[in-house]
């Protein structure tokens, strides 16, 4: 029971950083949110990006596989280590987007 109270006292950012540090398999933003037990999706991307920077300073690096359109297979450009979840495809204007995937290097 004590472990649960300790886990609940941690911030979302701390829980994300700890999860990413232990992560072995590639995961999407939704997977990460589900694994840390949050439904606050409006902040999760910002918190993941901050955790990625903190972990990079510790020498733990990640690769971000870009988002893709499910309708026309458009691959969104991924220029830096930052998670972005697009809302609409510039190619077909569709909104069925596979989110980016985080993979530990």
C-alpha atoms as a PDB file:
ATOM      1  CA  UNK A   1       0.000   0.000   0.000  1.00  0.00           C
ATOM      2  CA  UNK A   2       2.881   2.346   0.786  1.00  0.00           C
ATOM      3  CA  UNK A   3       4.266   1.934  -2.747  1.00  0.00           C
ATOM      4  CA  UNK A   4       0.958   3.124  -4.228  1.00  0.00           C
ATOM      5  CA  UNK A   5       0.965   6.331  -2.165  1.00  0.00           C
ATOM      6  CA  UNK A   6       4.559   6.955  -3.195  1.00  0.00           C
ATOM      7  CA  UNK A   7       3.702   6.378  -6.865  1.00  0.00           C
ATOM      8  CA  UNK A   8       0.671   8.697  -6.655  1.00  0.00           C
ATOM      9  CA  UNK A   9       2.824  11.455  -5.140  1.00  0.00           C
ATOM     10  CA  UNK A  10       5.056  11.518  -8.224  1.00  0.00           C
ATOM     11  CA  UNK A  11       4.260  14.027 -10.936  1.00  0.00           C
ATOM     12  CA  UNK A  12       3.162  12.894 -14.380  1.00  0.00           C
ATOM     13  CA  UNK A  13       6.533  14.066 -15.724  1.00  0.00           C
ATOM     14  CA  UNK A  14       8.405  11.946 -13.166  1.00  0.00           C
ATOM     15  CA  UNK A  15       6.303   8.891 -13.977  1.00  0.00           C
ATOM     16  CA  UNK A  16       6.845   9.422 -17.726  1.00  0.00           C
ATOM     17  CA  UNK A  17      10.619   9.824 -17.284  1.00  0.00           C
ATOM     18  CA  UNK A  18      10.813   6.651 -15.176  1.00  0.00           C
ATOM     19  CA  UNK A  19       8.698   4.721 -17.681  1.00  0.00           C
ATOM     20  CA  UNK A  20      10.773   5.932 -20.644  1.00  0.00           C
ATOM     21  CA  UNK A  21      13.981   5.072 -18.814  1.00  0.00           C
ATOM     22  CA  UNK A  22      12.802   1.453 -18.373  1.00  0.00           C
ATOM     23  CA  UNK A  23      11.093   1.177 -21.771  1.00  0.00           C
ATOM     24  CA  UNK A  24      12.386  -1.598 -24.018  1.00  0.00           C
ATOM     25  CA  UNK A  25       9.862  -1.773 -26.880  1.00  0.00           C
ATOM     26  CA  UNK A  26       8.689   1.098 -29.135  1.00  0.00           C
ATOM     27  CA  UNK A  27       5.603   2.886 -27.773  1.00  0.00           C
ATOM     28  CA  UNK A  28       3.128   5.520 -28.969  1.00  0.00           C
ATOM     29  CA  UNK A  29       2.007   8.524 -26.916  1.00  0.00           C
ATOM     30  CA  UNK A  30      -1.273   6.716 -26.140  1.00  0.00           C
ATOM     31  CA  UNK A  31       0.650   3.626 -24.975  1.00  0.00           C
ATOM     32  CA  UNK A  32       2.792   5.748 -22.663  1.00  0.00           C
ATOM     33  CA  UNK A  33      -0.225   7.573 -21.213  1.00  0.00           C
ATOM     34  CA  UNK A  34      -1.980   4.265 -20.575  1.00  0.00           C
ATOM     35  CA  UNK A  35       1.114   2.689 -18.979  1.00  0.00           C
ATOM     36  CA  UNK A  36       1.632   5.540 -16.515  1.00  0.00           C
ATOM     37  CA  UNK A  37      -2.074   5.595 -15.704  1.00  0.00           C
ATOM     38  CA  UNK A  38      -3.152   9.019 -16.880  1.00  0.00           C
ATOM     39  CA  UNK A  39      -5.957  10.242 -19.098  1.00  0.00           C
ATOM     40  CA  UNK A  40      -4.729  13.834 -19.191  1.00  0.00           C
ATOM     41  CA  UNK A  41      -3.896  13.686 -22.893  1.00  0.00           C
ATOM     42  CA  UNK A  42      -3.811  17.469 -23.283  1.00  0.00           C
ATOM     43  CA  UNK A  43      -0.543  17.679 -21.307  1.00  0.00           C
ATOM     44  CA  UNK A  44       1.014  14.331 -22.107  1.00  0.00           C
ATOM     45  CA  UNK A  45       2.904  15.430 -25.244  1.00  0.00           C
ATOM     46  CA  UNK A  46       4.457  18.410 -23.478  1.00  0.00           C
ATOM     47  CA  UNK A  47       5.426  16.204 -20.527  1.00  0.00           C
ATOM     48  CA  UNK A  48       6.928  13.525 -22.803  1.00  0.00           C
ATOM     49  CA  UNK A  49       8.994  16.144 -24.661  1.00  0.00           C
ATOM     50  CA  UNK A  50      10.327  17.528 -21.388  1.00  0.00           C
ATOM     51  CA  UNK A  51      11.137  14.014 -20.122  1.00  0.00           C
ATOM     52  CA  UNK A  52      12.993  13.254 -23.378  1.00  0.00           C
ATOM     53  CA  UNK A  53      15.216  16.311 -22.844  1.00  0.00           C
ATOM     54  CA  UNK A  54      15.884  15.356 -19.222  1.00  0.00           C
ATOM     55  CA  UNK A  55      16.775  11.794 -20.172  1.00  0.00           C
ATOM     56  CA  UNK A  56      19.025  12.992 -23.003  1.00  0.00           C
ATOM     57  CA  UNK A  57      21.015  14.950 -20.406  1.00  0.00           C
ATOM     58  CA  UNK A  58      21.474  11.630 -18.569  1.00  0.00           C
ATOM     59  CA  UNK A  59      22.745   9.980 -21.762  1.00  0.00           C
ATOM     60  CA  UNK A  60      19.511   8.089 -22.535  1.00  0.00           C
ATOM     61  CA  UNK A  61      18.469   8.785 -26.100  1.00  0.00           C
ATOM     62  CA  UNK A  62      15.434   8.009 -28.213  1.00  0.00           C
ATOM     63  CA  UNK A  63      14.463   7.894 -31.845  1.00  0.00           C
ATOM     64  CA  UNK A  64      11.040   9.159 -32.891  1.00  0.00           C
ATOM     65  CA  UNK A  65       9.433   7.275 -35.750  1.00  0.00           C
ATOM     66  CA  UNK A  66       7.237   9.836 -37.540  1.00  0.00           C
ATOM     67  CA  UNK A  67       3.464   9.914 -37.652  1.00  0.00           C
ATOM     68  CA  UNK A  68       1.829   8.506 -40.790  1.00  0.00           C
ATOM     69  CA  UNK A  69      -1.536   8.917 -42.491  1.00  0.00           C
ATOM     70  CA  UNK A  70      -3.631   5.744 -42.435  1.00  0.00           C
ATOM     71  CA  UNK A  71      -5.491   6.776 -45.579  1.00  0.00           C
ATOM     72  CA  UNK A  72      -2.701   7.724 -48.024  1.00  0.00           C
ATOM     73  CA  UNK A  73       0.451   6.588 -46.122  1.00  0.00           C
ATOM     74  CA  UNK A  74       1.880  10.123 -46.014  1.00  0.00           C
ATOM     75  CA  UNK A  75       4.886  10.257 -43.672  1.00  0.00           C
ATOM     76  CA  UNK A  76       5.103  13.405 -41.587  1.00  0.00           C
ATOM     77  CA  UNK A  77       8.502  15.072 -41.379  1.00  0.00           C
ATOM     78  CA  UNK A  78      10.320  14.547 -38.081  1.00  0.00           C
ATOM     79  CA  UNK A  79      13.096  17.126 -37.808  1.00  0.00           C
ATOM     80  CA  UNK A  80      14.033  17.093 -34.144  1.00  0.00           C
ATOM     81  CA  UNK A  81      13.622  15.058 -30.995  1.00  0.00           C
ATOM     82  CA  UNK A  82      10.158  16.297 -30.194  1.00  0.00           C
ATOM     83  CA  UNK A  83       6.869  14.435 -30.212  1.00  0.00           C
ATOM     84  CA  UNK A  84       4.198  16.075 -32.365  1.00  0.00           C
ATOM     85  CA  UNK A  85       0.825  14.539 -33.105  1.00  0.00           C
ATOM     86  CA  UNK A  86      -0.593  16.030 -36.320  1.00  0.00           C
ATOM     87  CA  UNK A  87      -4.346  16.398 -36.649  1.00  0.00           C
ATOM     88  CA  UNK A  88      -4.724  16.408 -40.433  1.00  0.00           C
ATOM     89  CA  UNK A  89      -2.803  14.972 -43.387  1.00  0.00           C
ATOM     90  CA  UNK A  90      -1.506  17.597 -45.820  1.00  0.00           C
ATOM     91  CA  UNK A  91      -1.624  15.015 -48.618  1.00  0.00           C
ATOM     92  CA  UNK A  92      -5.228  13.773 -48.535  1.00  0.00           C
ATOM     93  CA  UNK A  93      -6.680  16.031 -45.805  1.00  0.00           C
ATOM     94  CA  UNK A  94      -7.638  12.891 -43.872  1.00  0.00           C
ATOM     95  CA  UNK A  95      -7.693  12.834 -40.088  1.00  0.00           C
ATOM     96  CA  UNK A  96      -6.826   9.171 -39.515  1.00  0.00           C
ATOM     97  CA  UNK A  97      -3.266   9.583 -38.296  1.00  0.00           C
ATOM     98  CA  UNK A  98      -1.005   6.937 -36.768  1.00  0.00           C
ATOM     99  CA  UNK A  99       0.836   8.753 -33.969  1.00  0.00           C
ATOM    100  CA  UNK A 100       4.618   8.954 -33.763  1.00  0.00           C
ATOM    101  CA  UNK A 101       6.372   6.106 -31.978  1.00  0.00           C
ATOM    102  CA  UNK A 102       9.146   6.520 -29.427  1.00  0.00           C
ATOM    103  CA  UNK A 103      11.963   3.989 -29.587  1.00  0.00           C
ATOM    104  CA  UNK A 104      14.916   3.844 -27.259  1.00  0.00           C
ATOM    105  CA  UNK A 105      18.266   3.875 -29.051  1.00  0.00           C
END
